[in-house]
Amino acid sequence: MTNEERDIQRKLRVLQHAETIGNTRKACRYFGVGRSSFYRWRDAIKP
């Protein structure tokens, strides 16, 4: 698995976790990512 693939999987895990628990802030804090990054990732995969 390449670094790029690992990065994509990590981003998807963050997005899935936020959806599962229903709280973006807690999910971002748990994974150590900024909310601005989270929303950028989310917007990139939304149709």
PDB file of N, CA and C in Angstrom:
ATOM      1  N   MET A   1       0.849  -1.171   0.000  1.00  0.00           N
ATOM      2  CA  MET A   1       0.000   0.000   0.000  1.00  0.00           C
ATOM      3  C   MET A   1       0.901   1.242   0.000  1.00  0.00           C
ATOM      4  N   THR A   2       0.609   2.152  -0.881  1.00  0.00           N
ATOM      5  CA  THR A   2       1.409   3.369  -0.988  1.00  0.00           C
ATOM      6  C   THR A   2       1.009   4.372   0.098  1.00  0.00           C
ATOM      7  N   ASN A   3       1.840   5.366   0.284  1.00  0.00           N
ATOM      8  CA  ASN A   3       1.531   6.418   1.259  1.00  0.00           C
ATOM      9  C   ASN A   3       0.251   7.152   0.886  1.00  0.00           C
ATOM     10  N   GLU A   4       0.048   7.339  -0.403  1.00  0.00           N
ATOM     11  CA  GLU A   4      -1.160   8.030  -0.863  1.00  0.00           C
ATOM     12  C   GLU A   4      -2.408   7.224  -0.518  1.00  0.00           C
ATOM     13  N   GLU A   5      -2.344   5.919  -0.700  1.00  0.00           N
ATOM     14  CA  GLU A   5      -3.479   5.057  -0.365  1.00  0.00           C
ATOM     15  C   GLU A   5      -3.753   5.070   1.134  1.00  0.00           C
ATOM     16  N   ARG A   6      -2.686   5.067   1.937  1.00  0.00           N
ATOM     17  CA  ARG A   6      -2.851   5.136   3.397  1.00  0.00           C
ATOM     18  C   ARG A   6      -3.514   6.446   3.801  1.00  0.00           C
ATOM     19  N   ASP A   7      -3.094   7.527   3.160  1.00  0.00           N
ATOM     20  CA  ASP A   7      -3.653   8.840   3.464  1.00  0.00           C
ATOM     21  C   ASP A   7      -5.142   8.889   3.125  1.00  0.00           C
ATOM     22  N   ILE A   8      -5.504   8.329   1.997  1.00  0.00           N
ATOM     23  CA  ILE A   8      -6.909   8.299   1.586  1.00  0.00           C
ATOM     24  C   ILE A   8      -7.732   7.477   2.568  1.00  0.00           C
ATOM     25  N   GLN A   9      -7.213   6.329   2.972  1.00  0.00           N
ATOM     26  CA  GLN A   9      -7.941   5.484   3.922  1.00  0.00           C
ATOM     27  C   GLN A   9      -8.111   6.189   5.263  1.00  0.00           C
ATOM     28  N   ARG A  10      -7.093   6.910   5.700  1.00  0.00           N
ATOM     29  CA  ARG A  10      -7.189   7.654   6.963  1.00  0.00           C
ATOM     30  C   ARG A  10      -8.278   8.715   6.875  1.00  0.00           C
ATOM     31  N   LYS A  11      -8.307   9.436   5.769  1.00  0.00           N
ATOM     32  CA  LYS A  11      -9.324  10.469   5.591  1.00  0.00           C
ATOM     33  C   LYS A  11     -10.720   9.861   5.611  1.00  0.00           C
ATOM     34  N   LEU A  12     -10.881   8.725   4.948  1.00  0.00           N
ATOM     35  CA  LEU A  12     -12.183   8.068   4.929  1.00  0.00           C
ATOM     36  C   LEU A  12     -12.578   7.583   6.320  1.00  0.00           C
ATOM     37  N   ARG A  13     -11.604   7.102   7.101  1.00  0.00           N
ATOM     38  CA  ARG A  13     -11.901   6.666   8.474  1.00  0.00           C
ATOM     39  C   ARG A  13     -12.390   7.837   9.319  1.00  0.00           C
ATOM     40  N   VAL A  14     -11.763   8.988   9.156  1.00  0.00           N
ATOM     41  CA  VAL A  14     -12.186  10.176   9.901  1.00  0.00           C
ATOM     42  C   VAL A  14     -13.619  10.541   9.521  1.00  0.00           C
ATOM     43  N   LEU A  15     -13.903  10.566   8.230  1.00  0.00           N
ATOM     44  CA  LEU A  15     -15.245  10.918   7.763  1.00  0.00           C
ATOM     45  C   LEU A  15     -16.289   9.913   8.246  1.00  0.00           C
ATOM     46  N   GLN A  16     -15.969   8.632   8.189  1.00  0.00           N
ATOM     47  CA  GLN A  16     -16.901   7.599   8.636  1.00  0.00           C
ATOM     48  C   GLN A  16     -17.127   7.677  10.140  1.00  0.00           C
ATOM     49  N   HIS A  17     -16.074   7.931  10.898  1.00  0.00           N
ATOM     50  CA  HIS A  17     -16.202   8.031  12.350  1.00  0.00           C
ATOM     51  C   HIS A  17     -17.104   9.205  12.722  1.00  0.00           C
ATOM     52  N   ALA A  18     -16.918  10.329  12.052  1.00  0.00           N
ATOM     53  CA  ALA A  18     -17.748  11.503  12.330  1.00  0.00           C
ATOM     54  C   ALA A  18     -19.213  11.208  12.032  1.00  0.00           C
ATOM     55  N   GLU A  19     -19.460  10.496  10.961  1.00  0.00           N
ATOM     56  CA  GLU A  19     -20.839  10.149  10.617  1.00  0.00           C
ATOM     57  C   GLU A  19     -21.420   9.179  11.644  1.00  0.00           C
ATOM     58  N   THR A  20     -20.616   8.238  12.092  1.00  0.00           N
ATOM     59  CA  THR A  20     -21.078   7.236  13.051  1.00  0.00           C
ATOM     60  C   THR A  20     -21.440   7.865  14.392  1.00  0.00           C
ATOM     61  N   ILE A  21     -20.561   8.730  14.910  1.00  0.00           N
ATOM     62  CA  ILE A  21     -20.826   9.308  16.226  1.00  0.00           C
ATOM     63  C   ILE A  21     -21.692  10.561  16.147  1.00  0.00           C
ATOM     64  N   GLY A  22     -21.810  11.127  14.950  1.00  0.00           N
ATOM     65  CA  GLY A  22     -22.661  12.292  14.766  1.00  0.00           C
ATOM     66  C   GLY A  22     -22.078  13.584  15.312  1.00  0.00           C
ATOM     67  N   ASN A  23     -20.753  13.638  15.476  1.00  0.00           N
ATOM     68  CA  ASN A  23     -20.129  14.835  16.022  1.00  0.00           C
ATOM     69  C   ASN A  23     -18.787  15.061  15.326  1.00  0.00           C
ATOM     70  N   THR A  24     -18.750  16.068  14.477  1.00  0.00           N
ATOM     71  CA  THR A  24     -17.547  16.358  13.707  1.00  0.00           C
ATOM     72  C   THR A  24     -16.384  16.775  14.598  1.00  0.00           C
ATOM     73  N   ARG A  25     -16.657  17.641  15.565  1.00  0.00           N
ATOM     74  CA  ARG A  25     -15.591  18.140  16.428  1.00  0.00           C
ATOM     75  C   ARG A  25     -14.904  17.019  17.189  1.00  0.00           C
ATOM     76  N   LYS A  26     -15.688  16.113  17.750  1.00  0.00           N
ATOM     77  CA  LYS A  26     -15.106  15.000  18.508  1.00  0.00           C
ATOM     78  C   LYS A  26     -14.304  14.064  17.611  1.00  0.00           C
ATOM     79  N   ALA A  27     -14.804  13.821  16.420  1.00  0.00           N
ATOM     80  CA  ALA A  27     -14.089  12.943  15.487  1.00  0.00           C
ATOM     81  C   ALA A  27     -12.755  13.567  15.086  1.00  0.00           C
ATOM     82  N   CYS A  28     -12.764  14.851  14.812  1.00  0.00           N
ATOM     83  CA  CYS A  28     -11.526  15.535  14.425  1.00  0.00           C
ATOM     84  C   CYS A  28     -10.528  15.527  15.571  1.00  0.00           C
ATOM     85  N   ARG A  29     -11.008  15.766  16.755  1.00  0.00           N
ATOM     86  CA  ARG A  29     -10.115  15.765  17.915  1.00  0.00           C
ATOM     87  C   ARG A  29      -9.533  14.374  18.146  1.00  0.00           C
ATOM     88  N   TYR A  30     -10.358  13.343  18.001  1.00  0.00           N
ATOM     89  CA  TYR A  30      -9.915  11.966  18.202  1.00  0.00           C
ATOM     90  C   TYR A  30      -8.783  11.600  17.241  1.00  0.00           C
ATOM     91  N   PHE A  31      -8.922  12.020  15.972  1.00  0.00           N
ATOM     92  CA  PHE A  31      -7.920  11.692  14.958  1.00  0.00           C
ATOM     93  C   PHE A  31      -6.823  12.750  14.834  1.00  0.00           C
ATOM     94  N   GLY A  32      -6.972  13.861  15.528  1.00  0.00           N
ATOM     95  CA  GLY A  32      -5.945  14.897  15.489  1.00  0.00           C
ATOM     96  C   GLY A  32      -5.897  15.672  14.189  1.00  0.00           C
ATOM     97  N   VAL A  33      -7.061  15.921  13.610  1.00  0.00           N
ATOM     98  CA  VAL A  33      -7.110  16.708  12.374  1.00  0.00           C
ATOM     99  C   VAL A  33      -7.952  17.962  12.611  1.00  0.00           C
ATOM    100  N   GLY A  34      -7.680  18.987  11.833  1.00  0.00           N
ATOM    101  CA  GLY A  34      -8.440  20.220  11.946  1.00  0.00           C
ATOM    102  C   GLY A  34      -9.796  20.093  11.268  1.00  0.00           C
ATOM    103  N   ARG A  35     -10.745  20.853  11.786  1.00  0.00           N
ATOM    104  CA  ARG A  35     -12.076  20.804  11.183  1.00  0.00           C
ATOM    105  C   ARG A  35     -12.076  21.350   9.764  1.00  0.00           C
ATOM    106  N   SER A  36     -11.217  22.318   9.490  1.00  0.00           N
ATOM    107  CA  SER A  36     -11.159  22.849   8.124  1.00  0.00           C
ATOM    108  C   SER A  36     -10.706  21.757   7.156  1.00  0.00           C
ATOM    109  N   SER A  37      -9.761  20.926   7.587  1.00  0.00           N
ATOM    110  CA  SER A  37      -9.331  19.796   6.752  1.00  0.00           C
ATOM    111  C   SER A  37     -10.480  18.817   6.571  1.00  0.00           C
ATOM    112  N   PHE A  38     -11.178  18.527   7.656  1.00  0.00           N
ATOM    113  CA  PHE A  38     -12.306  17.603   7.599  1.00  0.00           C
ATOM    114  C   PHE A  38     -13.332  18.067   6.566  1.00  0.00           C
ATOM    115  N   TYR A  39     -13.719  19.336   6.650  1.00  0.00           N
ATOM    116  CA  TYR A  39     -14.735  19.843   5.729  1.00  0.00           C
ATOM    117  C   TYR A  39     -14.225  19.878   4.290  1.00  0.00           C
ATOM    118  N   ARG A  40     -12.944  20.123   4.095  1.00  0.00           N
ATOM    119  CA  ARG A  40     -12.365  20.095   2.746  1.00  0.00           C
ATOM    120  C   ARG A  40     -12.434  18.680   2.185  1.00  0.00           C
ATOM    121  N   TRP A  41     -12.091  17.681   3.006  1.00  0.00           N
ATOM    122  CA  TRP A  41     -12.157  16.279   2.575  1.00  0.00           C
ATOM    123  C   TRP A  41     -13.597  15.893   2.269  1.00  0.00           C
ATOM    124  N   ARG A  42     -14.508  16.288   3.159  1.00  0.00           N
ATOM    125  CA  ARG A  42     -15.921  15.939   2.978  1.00  0.00           C
ATOM    126  C   ARG A  42     -16.469  16.542   1.690  1.00  0.00           C
ATOM    127  N   ASP A  43     -16.153  17.798   1.457  1.00  0.00           N
ATOM    128  CA  ASP A  43     -16.648  18.469   0.256  1.00  0.00           C
ATOM    129  C   ASP A  43     -16.048  17.877  -1.015  1.00  0.00           C
ATOM    130  N   ALA A  44     -14.849  17.331  -0.918  1.00  0.00           N
ATOM    131  CA  ALA A  44     -14.195  16.742  -2.088  1.00  0.00           C
ATOM    132  C   ALA A  44     -14.873  15.453  -2.539  1.00  0.00           C
ATOM    133  N   ILE A  45     -15.512  14.737  -1.615  1.00  0.00           N
ATOM    134  CA  ILE A  45     -16.144  13.472  -2.008  1.00  0.00           C
ATOM    135  C   ILE A  45     -17.653  13.583  -2.173  1.00  0.00           C
ATOM    136  N   LYS A  46     -18.229  14.699  -1.740  1.00  0.00           N
ATOM    137  CA  LYS A  46     -19.670  14.882  -1.921  1.00  0.00           C
ATOM    138  C   LYS A  46     -19.966  15.171  -3.387  1.00  0.00           C
ATOM    139  N   PRO A  47     -21.011  14.565  -3.908  1.00  0.00           N
ATOM    140  CA  PRO A  47     -21.366  14.838  -5.313  1.00  0.00           C
ATOM    141  C   PRO A  47     -21.953  16.218  -5.500  1.00  0.00           C
TER     142      PRO A  47
END
